[in-house]
Amino acid sequence: MRSFTRDIFMHNKIGRNEPCPCGSGKKYKKCCGAQETVDFSLPVGMQTGTLLDEYFLLLQGIGMFGQSLRQFDEERHELNAAIGSFETMFSPGSLDGVPDSIFLSWSYFDLRFGKSQKTVVERFMESGYVSQLREPGPKLVRDMADSYLAFYVLRELRDDAALFEEIGTGKQWRVHCVSMVYDGESHVGDLWFGRLLGAAGAAYMFTSPYVFPPDAFDLDELRNAIAFQCSRWKEFPGRSADHSRDFIDSAKAAACFWLSRILGKPLMATPQPPAPVMVNTDGQKLHFSEVVFTIQRRENLEAALFGIKDFEYDEHAGVWVWSKSTWRRIKQFRKAIGGTVKIDGERLLAHTNSLVRALKIKKLLQQALGDAVAFEKIDAKDLASMPKLSAEEEREHAKKNAQLNATPEVRELLKKNAEDYYYKNWLRQKIPALGGLTPYQAAKTSEGRNLLQALLDDLERRQNVQPDNPYRVDVDGLRRRLNIC
């Protein structure tokens, strides 16, 4: 079988004078770097002569891309922490742990991370490598991105294929028999847990499966649990506008739950969708940060603070407000607060809502104030570590919010901001739920119009649930603007 991926995945970060990663001991330019292409073909003993070989070939490229994310990506710490937690919990490759094939496929295909909440393979699809592949390469990558771990009942075992029924959907799968896993101990009625790749009529088992006798699980209870898993996903704020993906996305989110059940490890009581990632207006993950300086010389300190560009003094609050007209990516908000600075006794304190902003304001103050202050520390907390409000505090907070939102001036301002955002920015923004297209672009195709309609229906439903929320937009007006009435 021809290899359509052979020359795609050369790692472009290897210097020509660095040691060759193949382990030969030679310089890269005199070894693999001297070749026009890099050979990623599988060893002959591992080849099956089927499309499965190409899936594994592509997996090597995705793996290399994933390793580069783990080393160089800005959000690598979150990715590495999640993978480390999985390794601690499930001991991949060990006798009492999960198979490496399940670990690797979960790491690349299921684990969502960072502010985009995309998987490694989804990031890979956006990187430009896939556009260099010949078909069926791009389709096989999409197959891997859309795959998930699930339960299947073996309904029929033939010489060349096994027929499975998917628990939760009833979908019928015809799976090629290209592995010894089907031999010997496999029986009709057995329950399998694994990952299938490809079309339902010609699929492949991509992971080493867990196989259970028919009486190991109560199938009715299992179906109910998976139905509950899917229903919980429908309540998740990050749910895709393409509701046909609900089962797939819920299965990806619940993978660790089912593995914990299979291995008898305590993890969580019920399948839980991942918590939404909260970000500020610059797309940075929220970390409520306090930058602490010790005041070394008080003389002229306030004058120096007044002289910092983009600092404005709020007499009522007694703080300097760090704001900038070009701070926000959304143009209609002319100014936004990046942080505040105040003098507190012998200390100068700066408060902001992300580590990136904390480092910026630290640098700004050090440049402007010089040796008048000495940097001490940055304290940062994410939302999960913040103390929860008591019931009384929550009621008081809700009451104050309601009073503020009831003010005619505030309601009018929020309504105008919502309309400005949706009509001036959203229509031209690339939306992940629309496959990276803008609403205007998506409205040009039948598939895009269907996704748009689902997106607008969901916006309308959420607005109807909160009729008193002043931040709302005329959804019918957006439909008319996009000509999808």
Protein backbone atom coordinates (compact mmCIF):
# COMPACT_ATOMS: atom_id res chain seq x y z
CA MET A 1 0.00 0.00 0.00
CA ARG A 2 1.33 3.45 -0.89
CA SER A 3 2.31 5.83 1.88
CA PHE A 4 0.69 9.24 1.49
CA THR A 5 2.14 10.59 4.77
CA ARG A 6 5.80 9.78 4.32
CA ASP A 7 7.25 13.29 3.96
CA ILE A 8 4.90 15.33 6.11
CA PHE A 9 6.03 15.05 9.71
CA MET A 10 9.67 16.10 9.70
CA HIS A 11 10.21 17.98 12.97
CA ASN A 12 11.16 21.53 11.92
CA LYS A 13 12.77 22.40 15.27
CA ILE A 14 15.80 20.12 14.77
CA GLY A 15 18.91 22.17 13.94
CA ARG A 16 21.10 20.87 11.13
CA ASN A 17 24.11 20.61 13.45
CA GLU A 18 22.21 18.95 16.29
CA PRO A 19 22.45 15.20 16.97
CA CYS A 20 20.10 13.24 14.73
CA PRO A 21 17.02 12.05 16.66
CA CYS A 22 17.34 8.59 15.09
CA GLY A 23 20.14 7.83 17.59
CA SER A 24 22.92 7.26 15.05
CA GLY A 25 25.26 9.70 16.79
CA LYS A 26 25.73 11.68 13.57
CA LYS A 27 24.77 15.28 13.00
CA TYR A 28 21.25 15.69 11.66
CA LYS A 29 22.47 17.26 8.37
CA LYS A 30 24.66 14.19 7.68
CA CYS A 31 22.02 11.65 8.60
CA CYS A 32 18.21 11.88 8.28
CA GLY A 33 18.46 15.58 7.41
CA ALA A 34 20.32 14.70 4.22
CA GLN A 35 17.31 12.73 2.97
CA GLU A 36 14.53 14.40 1.01
CA THR A 37 11.91 12.59 3.05
CA VAL A 38 11.61 10.88 6.41
CA ASP A 39 10.43 7.26 6.45
CA PHE A 40 7.56 6.72 8.86
CA SER A 41 6.52 3.32 7.53
CA LEU A 42 5.70 0.58 10.02
CA PRO A 43 8.03 -2.40 10.50
CA VAL A 44 7.04 -5.26 8.23
CA GLY A 45 6.12 -7.46 11.19
CA MET A 46 3.55 -4.91 12.40
CA GLN A 47 1.85 -4.33 9.06
CA THR A 48 -1.60 -5.78 8.43
CA GLY A 49 -1.97 -4.93 4.75
CA THR A 50 -5.10 -2.91 5.56
CA LEU A 51 -6.05 0.70 6.13
CA LEU A 52 -5.17 0.17 9.78
CA ASP A 53 -1.50 0.54 8.78
CA GLU A 54 -2.21 4.07 7.54
CA TYR A 55 -4.03 4.99 10.75
CA PHE A 56 -0.98 3.95 12.78
CA LEU A 57 1.30 5.77 10.33
CA LEU A 58 -0.68 8.96 10.85
CA LEU A 59 -0.66 8.37 14.61
CA GLN A 60 3.14 8.69 14.60
CA GLY A 61 2.88 12.14 13.04
CA ILE A 62 0.16 13.22 15.45
CA GLY A 63 2.29 11.88 18.30
CA MET A 64 5.26 13.98 17.20
CA PHE A 65 3.01 17.01 16.98
CA GLY A 66 1.64 16.23 20.46
CA GLN A 67 5.15 16.00 21.87
CA SER A 68 5.98 19.40 20.42
CA LEU A 69 2.90 20.83 22.16
CA ARG A 70 4.02 19.26 25.45
CA GLN A 71 7.44 20.91 25.10
CA PHE A 72 6.80 24.27 23.46
CA ASP A 73 3.11 25.24 23.59
CA GLU A 74 2.07 28.14 25.84
CA GLU A 75 -0.52 25.86 27.50
CA ARG A 76 1.82 22.88 27.84
CA HIS A 77 1.62 22.93 31.66
CA GLU A 78 -2.12 22.22 31.62
CA LEU A 79 -1.66 19.48 28.99
CA ASN A 80 1.21 17.84 30.88
CA ALA A 81 -0.66 18.04 34.19
CA ALA A 82 -3.71 16.28 32.72
CA ILE A 83 -1.59 13.55 31.14
CA GLY A 84 0.36 13.14 34.37
CA SER A 85 -2.87 12.71 36.33
CA PHE A 86 -4.02 10.03 33.90
CA GLU A 87 -0.70 8.19 34.20
CA THR A 88 -0.89 8.33 38.01
CA MET A 89 -4.46 7.06 38.07
CA PHE A 90 -4.32 4.39 35.35
CA SER A 91 -0.64 3.26 35.11
CA PRO A 92 -0.53 2.85 31.29
CA GLY A 93 1.35 -0.20 30.06
CA SER A 94 1.59 -1.91 33.45
CA LEU A 95 -0.03 -5.26 34.26
CA ASP A 96 -2.75 -3.63 36.35
CA GLY A 97 -3.09 -0.49 34.22
CA VAL A 98 -4.69 0.49 30.93
CA PRO A 99 -3.15 -0.56 27.59
CA ASP A 100 -0.81 1.95 25.99
CA SER A 101 -3.14 2.14 22.98
CA ILE A 102 -5.97 3.44 25.18
CA PHE A 103 -3.65 5.93 26.91
CA LEU A 104 -2.20 7.32 23.69
CA SER A 105 -5.51 7.59 21.88
CA TRP A 106 -7.09 9.30 24.92
CA SER A 107 -4.16 11.75 25.10
CA TYR A 108 -4.39 12.70 21.42
CA PHE A 109 -8.10 12.29 20.59
CA ASP A 110 -10.11 12.92 23.79
CA LEU A 111 -8.22 15.21 26.15
CA ARG A 112 -9.31 18.83 25.75
CA PHE A 113 -7.05 21.52 27.17
CA GLY A 114 -6.29 25.21 27.12
CA LYS A 115 -8.57 28.11 26.44
CA SER A 116 -9.65 26.64 23.08
CA GLN A 117 -10.62 23.32 24.72
CA LYS A 118 -9.38 21.43 21.66
CA THR A 119 -7.65 18.07 21.52
CA VAL A 120 -4.15 17.43 20.19
CA VAL A 121 -5.54 15.99 16.95
CA GLU A 122 -7.88 18.97 16.51
CA ARG A 123 -4.91 21.31 16.98
CA PHE A 124 -3.02 19.12 14.50
CA MET A 125 -5.83 19.51 11.94
CA GLU A 126 -5.51 23.31 12.22
CA SER A 127 -1.71 23.33 11.98
CA GLY A 128 -1.42 23.04 8.19
CA TYR A 129 0.02 19.52 8.11
CA VAL A 130 -3.29 17.95 7.08
CA SER A 131 -3.56 20.20 4.02
CA GLN A 132 -0.35 18.56 2.75
CA LEU A 133 -1.83 15.07 2.89
CA ARG A 134 -3.39 13.30 -0.04
CA GLU A 135 -6.72 11.57 0.41
CA PRO A 136 -7.65 9.45 2.21
CA GLY A 137 -5.17 10.99 4.69
CA PRO A 138 -7.34 13.97 5.79
CA LYS A 139 -10.37 11.69 6.16
CA LEU A 140 -8.42 9.25 8.34
CA VAL A 141 -7.29 12.11 10.58
CA ARG A 142 -10.93 13.20 10.93
CA ASP A 143 -11.84 9.59 11.78
CA MET A 144 -9.36 9.68 14.65
CA ALA A 145 -10.58 13.08 15.84
CA ASP A 146 -14.18 11.82 15.92
CA SER A 147 -13.41 8.48 17.59
CA TYR A 148 -14.28 7.67 21.20
CA LEU A 149 -14.15 4.87 23.76
CA ALA A 150 -17.46 3.05 24.10
CA PHE A 151 -19.12 -0.26 25.00
CA TYR A 152 -20.13 -2.75 22.29
CA VAL A 153 -21.89 -6.11 22.34
CA LEU A 154 -20.45 -8.72 19.99
CA ARG A 155 -23.43 -9.92 17.95
CA GLU A 156 -21.78 -12.05 15.29
CA LEU A 157 -18.26 -13.32 14.58
CA ARG A 158 -17.37 -14.13 10.97
CA ASP A 159 -14.11 -15.15 9.33
CA ASP A 160 -13.35 -11.66 8.05
CA ALA A 161 -15.39 -9.39 10.32
CA ALA A 162 -17.12 -9.02 13.68
CA LEU A 163 -20.54 -7.39 14.04
CA PHE A 164 -21.06 -5.16 17.09
CA GLU A 165 -23.95 -3.20 18.57
CA GLU A 166 -22.99 0.06 20.26
CA ILE A 167 -24.46 0.46 23.76
CA GLY A 168 -26.19 3.81 24.06
CA THR A 169 -27.07 4.34 20.40
CA GLY A 170 -27.85 0.87 19.07
CA LYS A 171 -25.61 1.64 16.10
CA GLN A 172 -24.40 -1.45 14.20
CA TRP A 173 -20.70 -1.75 13.39
CA ARG A 174 -18.94 -4.16 11.03
CA VAL A 175 -15.35 -4.43 12.25
CA HIS A 176 -12.51 -5.99 10.23
CA CYS A 177 -10.84 -8.99 11.87
CA VAL A 178 -7.15 -8.11 11.54
CA SER A 179 -5.98 -8.92 15.06
CA MET A 180 -5.47 -11.99 17.23
CA VAL A 181 -7.82 -10.37 19.75
CA TYR A 182 -10.77 -11.92 17.92
CA ASP A 183 -9.38 -15.44 18.15
CA GLY A 184 -9.92 -18.08 20.77
CA GLU A 185 -11.76 -16.53 23.69
CA SER A 186 -14.15 -14.16 21.87
CA HIS A 187 -17.80 -15.22 22.02
CA VAL A 188 -21.06 -13.81 20.75
CA GLY A 189 -22.70 -11.81 23.54
CA ASP A 190 -19.42 -10.61 25.05
CA LEU A 191 -19.22 -6.94 26.02
CA TRP A 192 -16.29 -4.99 24.61
CA PHE A 193 -14.91 -1.60 25.63
CA GLY A 194 -12.63 0.01 23.07
CA ARG A 195 -12.21 2.56 20.29
CA LEU A 196 -13.42 1.98 16.73
CA LEU A 197 -12.12 3.90 13.71
CA GLY A 198 -13.66 4.32 10.27
CA ALA A 199 -17.09 3.92 8.75
CA ALA A 200 -19.69 1.79 10.51
CA GLY A 201 -19.65 -0.70 7.63
CA ALA A 202 -15.86 -1.08 7.53
CA ALA A 203 -14.34 -0.16 10.89
CA TYR A 204 -11.20 -1.19 12.77
CA MET A 205 -10.64 -1.78 16.48
CA PHE A 206 -7.89 0.77 17.19
CA THR A 207 -7.17 -0.05 20.83
CA SER A 208 -6.59 -3.21 22.80
CA PRO A 209 -10.16 -3.77 24.07
CA TYR A 210 -11.45 -4.86 27.44
CA VAL A 211 -13.65 -7.94 26.88
CA PHE A 212 -16.23 -9.07 29.46
CA PRO A 213 -18.57 -12.07 29.58
CA PRO A 214 -22.27 -11.29 29.04
CA ASP A 215 -23.10 -11.37 32.76
CA ALA A 216 -20.34 -8.93 33.83
CA PHE A 217 -22.62 -5.92 33.41
CA ASP A 218 -26.38 -5.41 33.59
CA LEU A 219 -26.95 -4.08 30.07
CA ASP A 220 -30.11 -2.18 31.04
CA GLU A 221 -28.27 -0.40 33.85
CA LEU A 222 -25.35 0.29 31.52
CA ARG A 223 -27.69 1.79 28.90
CA ASN A 224 -29.32 3.96 31.57
CA ALA A 225 -25.93 5.17 32.81
CA ILE A 226 -24.84 6.09 29.28
CA ALA A 227 -28.16 7.85 28.64
CA PHE A 228 -27.57 9.84 31.84
CA GLN A 229 -24.02 10.61 30.66
CA CYS A 230 -25.42 12.05 27.42
CA SER A 231 -28.17 14.02 29.18
CA ARG A 232 -25.63 15.62 31.52
CA TRP A 233 -23.57 16.64 28.51
CA LYS A 234 -26.55 18.50 27.04
CA GLU A 235 -26.44 20.80 30.09
CA PHE A 236 -22.75 21.57 29.61
CA PRO A 237 -22.12 25.26 28.63
CA GLY A 238 -19.40 24.23 26.16
CA ARG A 239 -21.70 21.88 24.26
CA SER A 240 -21.22 21.98 20.49
CA ALA A 241 -23.88 23.69 18.40
CA ASP A 242 -23.88 20.50 16.32
CA HIS A 243 -26.12 18.46 18.62
CA SER A 244 -25.56 15.32 16.55
CA ARG A 245 -22.18 15.17 18.32
CA ASP A 246 -23.70 14.90 21.80
CA PHE A 247 -23.04 11.16 22.16
CA ILE A 248 -19.49 11.43 20.78
CA ASP A 249 -18.53 14.39 22.96
CA SER A 250 -20.13 12.92 26.09
CA ALA A 251 -18.27 9.64 25.52
CA LYS A 252 -14.96 11.50 25.21
CA ALA A 253 -15.66 13.42 28.43
CA ALA A 254 -16.67 10.24 30.30
CA ALA A 255 -13.72 8.06 29.18
CA CYS A 256 -11.85 8.35 32.49
CA PHE A 257 -15.00 7.59 34.45
CA TRP A 258 -15.55 4.29 32.62
CA LEU A 259 -11.89 3.34 32.88
CA SER A 260 -12.06 3.92 36.63
CA ARG A 261 -15.09 1.64 36.80
CA ILE A 262 -13.40 -1.07 34.75
CA LEU A 263 -10.20 -0.97 36.82
CA GLY A 264 -12.06 -0.57 40.11
CA LYS A 265 -10.39 2.76 40.85
CA PRO A 266 -12.25 5.58 42.65
CA LEU A 267 -12.48 8.63 40.43
CA MET A 268 -15.93 10.17 40.39
CA ALA A 269 -19.46 9.08 41.25
CA THR A 270 -21.01 9.94 37.88
CA PRO A 271 -19.71 10.92 34.45
CA GLN A 272 -18.88 14.61 34.57
CA PRO A 273 -18.28 16.98 31.65
CA PRO A 274 -15.10 19.05 31.95
CA ALA A 275 -15.50 22.36 33.72
CA PRO A 276 -15.67 25.33 31.35
CA VAL A 277 -12.44 27.30 31.13
CA MET A 278 -13.03 30.88 32.30
CA VAL A 279 -11.01 33.52 30.45
CA ASN A 280 -10.76 37.30 30.51
CA THR A 281 -11.43 39.61 27.58
CA ASP A 282 -7.98 38.88 26.12
CA GLY A 283 -8.65 35.14 26.15
CA GLN A 284 -6.27 34.54 29.09
CA LYS A 285 -7.20 31.98 31.74
CA LEU A 286 -8.56 33.66 34.86
CA HIS A 287 -6.12 33.86 37.76
CA PHE A 288 -6.95 36.53 40.31
CA SER A 289 -3.49 37.93 40.93
CA GLU A 290 -2.01 40.31 43.49
CA VAL A 291 1.39 41.84 42.68
CA VAL A 292 3.12 42.98 45.88
CA PHE A 293 5.87 45.61 46.09
CA THR A 294 7.58 46.99 49.21
CA ILE A 295 7.80 50.79 49.15
CA GLN A 296 11.45 51.84 49.53
CA ARG A 297 11.00 55.58 49.03
CA ARG A 298 7.64 57.31 49.47
CA GLU A 299 8.74 60.71 48.13
CA ASN A 300 7.16 61.51 44.73
CA LEU A 301 5.67 58.00 44.52
CA GLU A 302 2.13 59.23 43.91
CA ALA A 303 3.35 61.73 41.31
CA ALA A 304 5.13 58.92 39.48
CA LEU A 305 1.94 56.83 39.50
CA PHE A 306 -0.05 59.75 38.11
CA GLY A 307 2.50 60.01 35.32
CA ILE A 308 2.14 56.43 34.05
CA LYS A 309 0.39 56.28 30.70
CA ASP A 310 -2.97 54.48 30.80
CA PHE A 311 -3.24 54.99 34.59
CA GLU A 312 -6.23 57.01 35.82
CA TYR A 313 -6.91 57.83 39.47
CA ASP A 314 -10.31 56.86 40.89
CA GLU A 315 -10.85 59.26 43.81
CA HIS A 316 -13.89 57.38 45.11
CA ALA A 317 -12.07 54.01 45.35
CA GLY A 318 -8.66 55.50 46.12
CA VAL A 319 -6.90 53.40 43.42
CA TRP A 320 -5.14 53.95 40.13
CA VAL A 321 -7.03 52.17 37.35
CA TRP A 322 -4.99 50.62 34.57
CA SER A 323 -7.07 50.97 31.40
CA LYS A 324 -6.36 51.18 27.74
CA SER A 325 -8.53 52.03 24.76
CA THR A 326 -7.02 49.24 22.63
CA TRP A 327 -6.98 46.61 25.40
CA ARG A 328 -10.10 44.77 24.32
CA ARG A 329 -10.25 42.71 21.17
CA ILE A 330 -13.95 43.59 20.90
CA LYS A 331 -13.92 47.06 19.39
CA GLN A 332 -17.17 48.48 20.68
CA PHE A 333 -15.92 48.43 24.29
CA ARG A 334 -13.80 51.57 24.07
CA LYS A 335 -12.06 51.05 27.41
CA ALA A 336 -11.57 48.11 29.72
CA ILE A 337 -9.88 47.73 33.07
CA GLY A 338 -6.64 45.77 32.98
CA GLY A 339 -6.00 46.09 36.71
CA THR A 340 -5.82 48.43 39.69
CA VAL A 341 -2.96 49.77 41.84
CA LYS A 342 -3.15 51.14 45.36
CA ILE A 343 -0.83 52.21 48.19
CA ASP A 344 -1.45 50.10 51.29
CA GLY A 345 0.76 51.28 54.15
CA GLU A 346 4.33 50.29 53.34
CA ARG A 347 3.28 48.23 50.33
CA LEU A 348 2.18 48.93 46.78
CA LEU A 349 -0.44 46.42 45.59
CA ALA A 350 -1.57 45.72 42.02
CA HIS A 351 -4.59 43.54 41.31
CA THR A 352 -5.55 41.96 38.00
CA ASN A 353 -7.29 38.85 36.69
CA SER A 354 -4.61 36.90 34.82
CA LEU A 355 -0.98 35.95 35.26
CA VAL A 356 -0.14 37.51 31.89
CA ARG A 357 -1.57 40.85 33.00
CA ALA A 358 0.10 40.50 36.40
CA LEU A 359 3.51 40.17 34.73
CA LYS A 360 2.77 43.13 32.46
CA ILE A 361 1.73 45.44 35.29
CA LYS A 362 4.77 44.30 37.33
CA LYS A 363 7.08 45.28 34.49
CA LEU A 364 5.22 48.55 33.94
CA LEU A 365 5.52 49.57 37.60
CA GLN A 366 9.17 48.57 37.83
CA GLN A 367 10.01 50.67 34.77
CA ALA A 368 8.04 53.69 35.99
CA LEU A 369 8.97 53.65 39.69
CA GLY A 370 12.52 52.30 39.60
CA ASP A 371 14.15 51.84 43.01
CA ALA A 372 11.26 53.56 44.80
CA VAL A 373 9.70 50.09 45.15
CA ALA A 374 11.07 46.54 45.49
CA PHE A 375 9.18 43.62 44.01
CA GLU A 376 8.16 41.06 46.63
CA LYS A 377 5.83 38.41 45.13
CA ILE A 378 2.85 37.55 42.96
CA ASP A 379 -0.05 35.70 44.58
CA ALA A 380 -2.39 34.08 42.04
CA LYS A 381 -5.53 32.01 42.55
CA ASP A 382 -7.76 30.36 39.98
CA LEU A 383 -11.52 30.09 40.35
CA ALA A 384 -11.36 26.57 41.78
CA SER A 385 -9.30 27.74 44.74
CA MET A 386 -11.49 30.72 45.57
CA PRO A 387 -13.64 30.31 48.72
CA LYS A 388 -17.31 29.73 47.96
CA LEU A 389 -19.85 32.31 49.01
CA SER A 390 -22.22 31.40 51.80
CA ALA A 391 -25.93 31.09 51.00
CA GLU A 392 -26.51 34.50 52.59
CA GLU A 393 -23.67 36.09 50.60
CA GLU A 394 -25.02 34.56 47.37
CA ARG A 395 -28.49 36.01 48.07
CA GLU A 396 -27.02 39.43 48.82
CA HIS A 397 -24.88 39.28 45.67
CA ALA A 398 -27.90 38.29 43.54
CA LYS A 399 -29.98 41.08 45.09
CA LYS A 400 -27.35 43.72 44.29
CA ASN A 401 -26.97 42.38 40.74
CA ALA A 402 -30.72 42.52 40.20
CA GLN A 403 -30.87 46.09 41.50
CA LEU A 404 -28.02 47.15 39.23
CA ASN A 405 -29.50 45.43 36.16
CA ALA A 406 -32.89 47.04 36.85
CA THR A 407 -31.39 50.51 36.40
CA PRO A 408 -32.65 51.88 33.03
CA GLU A 409 -29.23 53.31 32.12
CA VAL A 410 -27.49 49.98 32.81
CA ARG A 411 -30.12 47.98 30.89
CA GLU A 412 -29.80 50.27 27.90
CA LEU A 413 -25.98 50.09 27.96
CA LEU A 414 -25.92 46.28 28.22
CA LYS A 415 -28.47 45.93 25.42
CA LYS A 416 -26.43 48.24 23.19
CA ASN A 417 -23.21 46.33 23.99
CA ALA A 418 -24.88 43.02 23.09
CA GLU A 419 -26.19 44.40 19.80
CA ASP A 420 -22.83 45.95 18.95
CA TYR A 421 -21.03 42.70 19.67
CA TYR A 422 -23.32 40.45 17.66
CA TYR A 423 -23.87 42.79 14.70
CA LYS A 424 -20.38 44.33 14.45
CA ASN A 425 -18.08 41.52 15.59
CA TRP A 426 -19.75 38.12 15.91
CA LEU A 427 -20.95 38.02 12.29
CA ARG A 428 -17.31 38.31 11.15
CA GLN A 429 -15.69 36.16 13.86
CA LYS A 430 -14.39 32.66 13.17
CA ILE A 431 -16.57 30.35 15.27
CA PRO A 432 -15.22 26.87 16.27
CA ALA A 433 -18.78 25.47 16.26
CA LEU A 434 -19.02 26.48 12.60
CA GLY A 435 -15.83 24.65 11.66
CA GLY A 436 -13.72 27.80 11.95
CA LEU A 437 -15.92 29.79 9.55
CA THR A 438 -17.54 33.15 10.25
CA PRO A 439 -21.36 33.25 10.36
CA TYR A 440 -21.34 35.09 7.02
CA GLN A 441 -19.18 32.35 5.47
CA ALA A 442 -21.20 29.52 7.00
CA ALA A 443 -24.44 30.99 5.65
CA LYS A 444 -23.25 30.27 2.09
CA THR A 445 -23.55 26.46 2.39
CA SER A 446 -26.41 24.16 3.30
CA GLU A 447 -24.41 22.45 6.07
CA GLY A 448 -23.23 25.79 7.44
CA ARG A 449 -26.77 27.16 7.49
CA ASN A 450 -27.92 24.15 9.50
CA LEU A 451 -25.14 24.73 12.05
CA LEU A 452 -25.96 28.44 12.17
CA GLN A 453 -29.63 27.72 12.76
CA ALA A 454 -28.73 25.39 15.65
CA LEU A 455 -26.40 28.03 17.10
CA LEU A 456 -29.03 30.77 16.92
CA ASP A 457 -31.74 28.47 18.28
CA ASP A 458 -29.50 27.76 21.27
CA LEU A 459 -28.84 31.49 21.80
CA GLU A 460 -32.56 32.18 21.66
CA ARG A 461 -33.29 29.37 24.13
CA ARG A 462 -30.71 30.67 26.60
CA GLN A 463 -32.11 34.19 26.36
CA ASN A 464 -35.64 32.92 26.95
CA VAL A 465 -34.49 31.09 30.09
CA GLN A 466 -33.33 34.46 31.51
CA PRO A 467 -35.97 36.95 30.32
CA ASP A 468 -34.79 39.63 32.79
CA ASN A 469 -31.18 39.56 31.62
CA PRO A 470 -30.62 42.89 29.83
CA TYR A 471 -27.66 41.56 27.83
CA ARG A 472 -29.69 40.20 24.92
CA VAL A 473 -29.93 40.56 21.18
CA ASP A 474 -32.67 40.28 18.58
CA VAL A 475 -32.01 36.74 17.33
CA ASP A 476 -34.58 37.08 14.51
CA GLY A 477 -32.67 40.15 13.38
CA LEU A 478 -29.49 38.04 13.15
CA ARG A 479 -31.39 35.42 11.13
CA ARG A 480 -32.58 38.11 8.73
CA ARG A 481 -29.07 39.53 8.44
CA LEU A 482 -27.77 36.05 7.55
CA ASN A 483 -30.79 35.33 5.32
CA ILE A 484 -31.67 32.10 7.13
CA CYS A 485 -35.21 33.00 8.20
